[in-house]
Amino acid sequence: MGTLVASIACTILVVVLKLTGHFRRAVLEPLFMWVALFGIVALCQPLFFGLYQWGFTILLTGTIGFNVAINLKK
């Protein structure tokens, strides 16, 4: 389920960025790095269980998105 959500989130984000004209490697690469970093923080924080439950999905979304972004042309 988490992988499906991560794939859908990446697809939606890429489509939105494509439609707005911001579909560039220079924009996507740092964005997905921050998403992955937020996923790590979500997994490590002890306060909100809901954020912990979604932490791996957020981390996976950032990782998949970053791998897609680094393979785009500049």
PDB file of N, CA and C in Angstrom:
ATOM      1  N   MET A   1       0.822  -1.195   0.000  1.00  0.00           N
ATOM      2  CA  MET A   1       0.000   0.000   0.000  1.00  0.00           C
ATOM      3  C   MET A   1       0.863   1.254   0.000  1.00  0.00           C
ATOM      4  N   GLY A   2       1.928   1.256   0.813  1.00  0.00           N
ATOM      5  CA  GLY A   2       2.793   2.423   0.900  1.00  0.00           C
ATOM      6  C   GLY A   2       3.519   2.711  -0.401  1.00  0.00           C
ATOM      7  N   THR A   3       3.933   1.648  -1.090  1.00  0.00           N
ATOM      8  CA  THR A   3       4.612   1.826  -2.371  1.00  0.00           C
ATOM      9  C   THR A   3       3.667   2.412  -3.404  1.00  0.00           C
ATOM     10  N   LEU A   4       2.430   1.983  -3.385  1.00  0.00           N
ATOM     11  CA  LEU A   4       1.435   2.522  -4.302  1.00  0.00           C
ATOM     12  C   LEU A   4       1.191   4.002  -4.038  1.00  0.00           C
ATOM     13  N   VAL A   5       1.080   4.360  -2.772  1.00  0.00           N
ATOM     14  CA  VAL A   5       0.881   5.765  -2.404  1.00  0.00           C
ATOM     15  C   VAL A   5       2.087   6.599  -2.817  1.00  0.00           C
ATOM     16  N   ALA A   6       3.290   6.075  -2.612  1.00  0.00           N
ATOM     17  CA  ALA A   6       4.505   6.794  -3.003  1.00  0.00           C
ATOM     18  C   ALA A   6       4.562   6.987  -4.509  1.00  0.00           C
ATOM     19  N   SER A   7       4.209   5.972  -5.261  1.00  0.00           N
ATOM     20  CA  SER A   7       4.218   6.078  -6.716  1.00  0.00           C
ATOM     21  C   SER A   7       3.181   7.082  -7.210  1.00  0.00           C
ATOM     22  N   ILE A   8       2.011   7.058  -6.623  1.00  0.00           N
ATOM     23  CA  ILE A   8       0.960   8.002  -7.006  1.00  0.00           C
ATOM     24  C   ILE A   8       1.366   9.428  -6.651  1.00  0.00           C
ATOM     25  N   ALA A   9       1.961   9.620  -5.476  1.00  0.00           N
ATOM     26  CA  ALA A   9       2.390  10.954  -5.065  1.00  0.00           C
ATOM     27  C   ALA A   9       3.469  11.487  -5.992  1.00  0.00           C
ATOM     28  N   CYS A  10       4.427  10.657  -6.368  1.00  0.00           N
ATOM     29  CA  CYS A  10       5.479  11.074  -7.310  1.00  0.00           C
ATOM     30  C   CYS A  10       4.874  11.431  -8.655  1.00  0.00           C
ATOM     31  N   THR A  11       3.965  10.631  -9.133  1.00  0.00           N
ATOM     32  CA  THR A  11       3.346  10.880 -10.430  1.00  0.00           C
ATOM     33  C   THR A  11       2.565  12.185 -10.419  1.00  0.00           C
ATOM     34  N   ILE A  12       1.796  12.417  -9.371  1.00  0.00           N
ATOM     35  CA  ILE A  12       1.025  13.658  -9.268  1.00  0.00           C
ATOM     36  C   ILE A  12       1.946  14.860  -9.212  1.00  0.00           C
ATOM     37  N   LEU A  13       3.005  14.767  -8.445  1.00  0.00           N
ATOM     38  CA  LEU A  13       3.939  15.883  -8.331  1.00  0.00           C
ATOM     39  C   LEU A  13       4.617  16.181  -9.659  1.00  0.00           C
ATOM     40  N   VAL A  14       5.040  15.146 -10.360  1.00  0.00           N
ATOM     41  CA  VAL A  14       5.702  15.347 -11.650  1.00  0.00           C
ATOM     42  C   VAL A  14       4.720  15.932 -12.668  1.00  0.00           C
ATOM     43  N   VAL A  15       3.473  15.476 -12.669  1.00  0.00           N
ATOM     44  CA  VAL A  15       2.474  16.006 -13.604  1.00  0.00           C
ATOM     45  C   VAL A  15       2.184  17.476 -13.304  1.00  0.00           C
ATOM     46  N   VAL A  16       2.031  17.820 -12.030  1.00  0.00           N
ATOM     47  CA  VAL A  16       1.781  19.210 -11.664  1.00  0.00           C
ATOM     48  C   VAL A  16       2.952  20.094 -12.070  1.00  0.00           C
ATOM     49  N   LEU A  17       4.162  19.643 -11.819  1.00  0.00           N
ATOM     50  CA  LEU A  17       5.325  20.437 -12.205  1.00  0.00           C
ATOM     51  C   LEU A  17       5.464  20.532 -13.719  1.00  0.00           C
ATOM     52  N   LYS A  18       5.084  19.495 -14.422  1.00  0.00           N
ATOM     53  CA  LYS A  18       5.122  19.531 -15.883  1.00  0.00           C
ATOM     54  C   LYS A  18       4.112  20.541 -16.419  1.00  0.00           C
ATOM     55  N   LEU A  19       2.912  20.563 -15.846  1.00  0.00           N
ATOM     56  CA  LEU A  19       1.877  21.482 -16.312  1.00  0.00           C
ATOM     57  C   LEU A  19       2.194  22.934 -15.988  1.00  0.00           C
ATOM     58  N   THR A  20       2.883  23.178 -14.890  1.00  0.00           N
ATOM     59  CA  THR A  20       3.221  24.551 -14.522  1.00  0.00           C
ATOM     60  C   THR A  20       4.500  25.033 -15.176  1.00  0.00           C
ATOM     61  N   GLY A  21       5.217  24.168 -15.853  1.00  0.00           N
ATOM     62  CA  GLY A  21       6.427  24.566 -16.546  1.00  0.00           C
ATOM     63  C   GLY A  21       7.676  24.539 -15.678  1.00  0.00           C
ATOM     64  N   HIS A  22       7.591  23.999 -14.484  1.00  0.00           N
ATOM     65  CA  HIS A  22       8.736  23.935 -13.585  1.00  0.00           C
ATOM     66  C   HIS A  22       9.359  22.544 -13.566  1.00  0.00           C
ATOM     67  N   PHE A  23       9.267  21.852 -14.665  1.00  0.00           N
ATOM     68  CA  PHE A  23       9.755  20.480 -14.748  1.00  0.00           C
ATOM     69  C   PHE A  23      11.220  20.503 -15.179  1.00  0.00           C
ATOM     70  N   ARG A  24      12.070  20.879 -14.258  1.00  0.00           N
ATOM     71  CA  ARG A  24      13.503  20.941 -14.531  1.00  0.00           C
ATOM     72  C   ARG A  24      14.242  20.187 -13.439  1.00  0.00           C
ATOM     73  N   ARG A  25      15.396  19.688 -13.820  1.00  0.00           N
ATOM     74  CA  ARG A  25      16.217  18.951 -12.868  1.00  0.00           C
ATOM     75  C   ARG A  25      16.647  19.847 -11.706  1.00  0.00           C
ATOM     76  N   ALA A  26      16.943  21.099 -11.996  1.00  0.00           N
ATOM     77  CA  ALA A  26      17.403  22.024 -10.962  1.00  0.00           C
ATOM     78  C   ALA A  26      16.329  22.293  -9.917  1.00  0.00           C
ATOM     79  N   VAL A  27      15.067  22.115 -10.267  1.00  0.00           N
ATOM     80  CA  VAL A  27      13.970  22.317  -9.313  1.00  0.00           C
ATOM     81  C   VAL A  27      13.620  21.017  -8.597  1.00  0.00           C
ATOM     82  N   LEU A  28      13.550  19.937  -9.351  1.00  0.00           N
ATOM     83  CA  LEU A  28      13.083  18.668  -8.780  1.00  0.00           C
ATOM     84  C   LEU A  28      14.098  18.010  -7.850  1.00  0.00           C
ATOM     85  N   GLU A  29      15.372  18.107  -8.197  1.00  0.00           N
ATOM     86  CA  GLU A  29      16.392  17.412  -7.403  1.00  0.00           C
ATOM     87  C   GLU A  29      16.412  17.892  -5.943  1.00  0.00           C
ATOM     88  N   PRO A  30      16.507  19.206  -5.678  1.00  0.00           N
ATOM     89  CA  PRO A  30      16.481  19.637  -4.273  1.00  0.00           C
ATOM     90  C   PRO A  30      15.130  19.400  -3.597  1.00  0.00           C
ATOM     91  N   LEU A  31      14.047  19.499  -4.380  1.00  0.00           N
ATOM     92  CA  LEU A  31      12.721  19.268  -3.810  1.00  0.00           C
ATOM     93  C   LEU A  31      12.599  17.852  -3.256  1.00  0.00           C
ATOM     94  N   PHE A  32      12.997  16.873  -4.049  1.00  0.00           N
ATOM     95  CA  PHE A  32      12.892  15.488  -3.596  1.00  0.00           C
ATOM     96  C   PHE A  32      13.921  15.159  -2.509  1.00  0.00           C
ATOM     97  N   MET A  33      15.040  15.860  -2.488  1.00  0.00           N
ATOM     98  CA  MET A  33      15.983  15.683  -1.372  1.00  0.00           C
ATOM     99  C   MET A  33      15.328  16.112  -0.062  1.00  0.00           C
ATOM    100  N   TRP A  34      14.617  17.239  -0.103  1.00  0.00           N
ATOM    101  CA  TRP A  34      13.936  17.718   1.105  1.00  0.00           C
ATOM    102  C   TRP A  34      12.791  16.791   1.508  1.00  0.00           C
ATOM    103  N   VAL A  35      12.099  16.221   0.527  1.00  0.00           N
ATOM    104  CA  VAL A  35      11.027  15.264   0.840  1.00  0.00           C
ATOM    105  C   VAL A  35      11.609  14.035   1.533  1.00  0.00           C
ATOM    106  N   ALA A  36      12.731  13.527   1.033  1.00  0.00           N
ATOM    107  CA  ALA A  36      13.371  12.371   1.657  1.00  0.00           C
ATOM    108  C   ALA A  36      13.867  12.715   3.060  1.00  0.00           C
ATOM    109  N   LEU A  37      14.425  13.900   3.232  1.00  0.00           N
ATOM    110  CA  LEU A  37      14.881  14.325   4.550  1.00  0.00           C
ATOM    111  C   LEU A  37      13.712  14.428   5.524  1.00  0.00           C
ATOM    112  N   PHE A  38      12.576  14.954   5.049  1.00  0.00           N
ATOM    113  CA  PHE A  38      11.387  15.021   5.898  1.00  0.00           C
ATOM    114  C   PHE A  38      10.905  13.618   6.271  1.00  0.00           C
ATOM    115  N   GLY A  39      11.036  12.661   5.354  1.00  0.00           N
ATOM    116  CA  GLY A  39      10.665  11.278   5.657  1.00  0.00           C
ATOM    117  C   GLY A  39      11.537  10.689   6.749  1.00  0.00           C
ATOM    118  N   ILE A  40      12.824  11.002   6.735  1.00  0.00           N
ATOM    119  CA  ILE A  40      13.720  10.528   7.793  1.00  0.00           C
ATOM    120  C   ILE A  40      13.344  11.143   9.133  1.00  0.00           C
ATOM    121  N   VAL A  41      13.066  12.440   9.120  1.00  0.00           N
ATOM    122  CA  VAL A  41      12.647  13.124  10.354  1.00  0.00           C
ATOM    123  C   VAL A  41      11.341  12.530  10.860  1.00  0.00           C
ATOM    124  N   ALA A  42      10.411  12.245   9.961  1.00  0.00           N
ATOM    125  CA  ALA A  42       9.123  11.659  10.356  1.00  0.00           C
ATOM    126  C   ALA A  42       9.314  10.289  10.999  1.00  0.00           C
ATOM    127  N   LEU A  43      10.283   9.525  10.527  1.00  0.00           N
ATOM    128  CA  LEU A  43      10.531   8.211  11.114  1.00  0.00           C
ATOM    129  C   LEU A  43      11.216   8.304  12.473  1.00  0.00           C
ATOM    130  N   CYS A  44      11.986   9.358  12.700  1.00  0.00           N
ATOM    131  CA  CYS A  44      12.775   9.465  13.929  1.00  0.00           C
ATOM    132  C   CYS A  44      12.082  10.227  15.048  1.00  0.00           C
ATOM    133  N   GLN A  45      11.040  10.977  14.738  1.00  0.00           N
ATOM    134  CA  GLN A  45      10.399  11.792  15.776  1.00  0.00           C
ATOM    135  C   GLN A  45       9.503  10.924  16.662  1.00  0.00           C
ATOM    136  N   PRO A  46       9.443  11.220  17.958  1.00  0.00           N
ATOM    137  CA  PRO A  46       8.679  10.382  18.875  1.00  0.00           C
ATOM    138  C   PRO A  46       7.284  10.916  19.235  1.00  0.00           C
ATOM    139  N   LEU A  47       6.863  12.045  18.656  1.00  0.00           N
ATOM    140  CA  LEU A  47       5.662  12.711  19.157  1.00  0.00           C
ATOM    141  C   LEU A  47       4.368  12.333  18.438  1.00  0.00           C
ATOM    142  N   PHE A  48       4.386  12.226  17.144  1.00  0.00           N
ATOM    143  CA  PHE A  48       3.161  12.022  16.374  1.00  0.00           C
ATOM    144  C   PHE A  48       3.198  10.665  15.691  1.00  0.00           C
ATOM    145  N   PHE A  49       2.317   9.777  16.133  1.00  0.00           N
ATOM    146  CA  PHE A  49       2.317   8.423  15.596  1.00  0.00           C
ATOM    147  C   PHE A  49       1.874   8.397  14.138  1.00  0.00           C
ATOM    148  N   GLY A  50       0.930   9.259  13.762  1.00  0.00           N
ATOM    149  CA  GLY A  50       0.474   9.311  12.382  1.00  0.00           C
ATOM    150  C   GLY A  50       1.587   9.701  11.433  1.00  0.00           C
ATOM    151  N   LEU A  51       2.423  10.648  11.852  1.00  0.00           N
ATOM    152  CA  LEU A  51       3.565  11.045  11.042  1.00  0.00           C
ATOM    153  C   LEU A  51       4.571   9.901  10.942  1.00  0.00           C
ATOM    154  N   TYR A  52       4.738   9.164  12.033  1.00  0.00           N
ATOM    155  CA  TYR A  52       5.624   7.996  12.023  1.00  0.00           C
ATOM    156  C   TYR A  52       5.117   6.933  11.048  1.00  0.00           C
ATOM    157  N   GLN A  53       3.796   6.717  11.027  1.00  0.00           N
ATOM    158  CA  GLN A  53       3.226   5.710  10.131  1.00  0.00           C
ATOM    159  C   GLN A  53       3.462   6.052   8.667  1.00  0.00           C
ATOM    160  N   TRP A  54       3.436   7.325   8.312  1.00  0.00           N
ATOM    161  CA  TRP A  54       3.634   7.753   6.937  1.00  0.00           C
ATOM    162  C   TRP A  54       5.091   8.061   6.619  1.00  0.00           C
ATOM    163  N   GLY A  55       5.971   7.959   7.594  1.00  0.00           N
ATOM    164  CA  GLY A  55       7.369   8.317   7.401  1.00  0.00           C
ATOM    165  C   GLY A  55       8.063   7.531   6.311  1.00  0.00           C
ATOM    166  N   PHE A  56       7.843   6.227   6.283  1.00  0.00           N
ATOM    167  CA  PHE A  56       8.503   5.412   5.261  1.00  0.00           C
ATOM    168  C   PHE A  56       7.966   5.728   3.878  1.00  0.00           C
ATOM    169  N   THR A  57       6.662   5.968   3.770  1.00  0.00           N
ATOM    170  CA  THR A  57       6.073   6.320   2.484  1.00  0.00           C
ATOM    171  C   THR A  57       6.620   7.655   1.986  1.00  0.00           C
ATOM    172  N   ILE A  58       6.773   8.613   2.883  1.00  0.00           N
ATOM    173  CA  ILE A  58       7.339   9.910   2.523  1.00  0.00           C
ATOM    174  C   ILE A  58       8.792   9.730   2.088  1.00  0.00           C
ATOM    175  N   LEU A  59       9.538   8.946   2.833  1.00  0.00           N
ATOM    176  CA  LEU A  59      10.938   8.674   2.476  1.00  0.00           C
ATOM    177  C   LEU A  59      11.037   7.971   1.125  1.00  0.00           C
ATOM    178  N   LEU A  60      10.176   7.011   0.880  1.00  0.00           N
ATOM    179  CA  LEU A  60      10.165   6.294  -0.388  1.00  0.00           C
ATOM    180  C   LEU A  60       9.800   7.220  -1.546  1.00  0.00           C
ATOM    181  N   THR A  61       8.841   8.115  -1.329  1.00  0.00           N
ATOM    182  CA  THR A  61       8.466   9.085  -2.355  1.00  0.00           C
ATOM    183  C   THR A  61       9.648   9.972  -2.710  1.00  0.00           C
ATOM    184  N   GLY A  62      10.354  10.463  -1.705  1.00  0.00           N
ATOM    185  CA  GLY A  62      11.519  11.295  -1.952  1.00  0.00           C
ATOM    186  C   GLY A  62      12.618  10.552  -2.680  1.00  0.00           C
ATOM    187  N   THR A  63      12.830   9.307  -2.324  1.00  0.00           N
ATOM    188  CA  THR A  63      13.885   8.510  -2.961  1.00  0.00           C
ATOM    189  C   THR A  63      13.555   8.207  -4.425  1.00  0.00           C
ATOM    190  N   ILE A  64      12.326   7.783  -4.683  1.00  0.00           N
ATOM    191  CA  ILE A  64      11.917   7.499  -6.060  1.00  0.00           C
ATOM    192  C   ILE A  64      11.954   8.775  -6.895  1.00  0.00           C
ATOM    193  N   GLY A  65      11.431   9.845  -6.341  1.00  0.00           N
ATOM    194  CA  GLY A  65      11.433  11.111  -7.065  1.00  0.00           C
ATOM    195  C   GLY A  65      12.832  11.618  -7.347  1.00  0.00           C
ATOM    196  N   PHE A  66      13.733  11.461  -6.392  1.00  0.00           N
ATOM    197  CA  PHE A  66      15.109  11.893  -6.596  1.00  0.00           C
ATOM    198  C   PHE A  66      15.780  11.065  -7.693  1.00  0.00           C
ATOM    199  N   ASN A  67      15.529   9.763  -7.694  1.00  0.00           N
ATOM    200  CA  ASN A  67      16.103   8.909  -8.742  1.00  0.00           C
ATOM    201  C   ASN A  67      15.579   9.283 -10.123  1.00  0.00           C
ATOM    202  N   VAL A  68      14.329   9.681 -10.201  1.00  0.00           N
ATOM    203  CA  VAL A  68      13.772  10.140 -11.482  1.00  0.00           C
ATOM    204  C   VAL A  68      14.396  11.483 -11.855  1.00  0.00           C
ATOM    205  N   ALA A  69      14.523  12.387 -10.880  1.00  0.00           N
ATOM    206  CA  ALA A  69      15.016  13.738 -11.146  1.00  0.00           C
ATOM    207  C   ALA A  69      16.465  13.751 -11.620  1.00  0.00           C
ATOM    208  N   ILE A  70      17.296  12.895 -11.062  1.00  0.00           N
ATOM    209  CA  ILE A  70      18.699  12.935 -11.460  1.00  0.00           C
ATOM    210  C   ILE A  70      18.917  12.371 -12.861  1.00  0.00           C
ATOM    211  N   ASN A  71      17.927  11.686 -13.398  1.00  0.00           N
ATOM    212  CA  ASN A  71      18.056  11.157 -14.758  1.00  0.00           C
ATOM    213  C   ASN A  71      17.439  12.069 -15.813  1.00  0.00           C
ATOM    214  N   LEU A  72      16.903  13.211 -15.407  1.00  0.00           N
ATOM    215  CA  LEU A  72      16.362  14.172 -16.366  1.00  0.00           C
ATOM    216  C   LEU A  72      17.474  14.994 -16.991  1.00  0.00           C
ATOM    217  N   LYS A  73      17.184  15.530 -18.175  1.00  0.00           N
ATOM    218  CA  LYS A  73      18.145  16.430 -18.809  1.00  0.00           C
ATOM    219  C   LYS A  73      18.120  17.759 -18.090  1.00  0.00           C
ATOM    220  N   LYS A  74      19.238  18.475 -18.143  1.00  0.00           N
ATOM    221  CA  LYS A  74      19.303  19.792 -17.518  1.00  0.00           C
ATOM    222  C   LYS A  74      18.544  20.809 -18.286  1.00  0.00           C
TER     223      LYS A  74
END
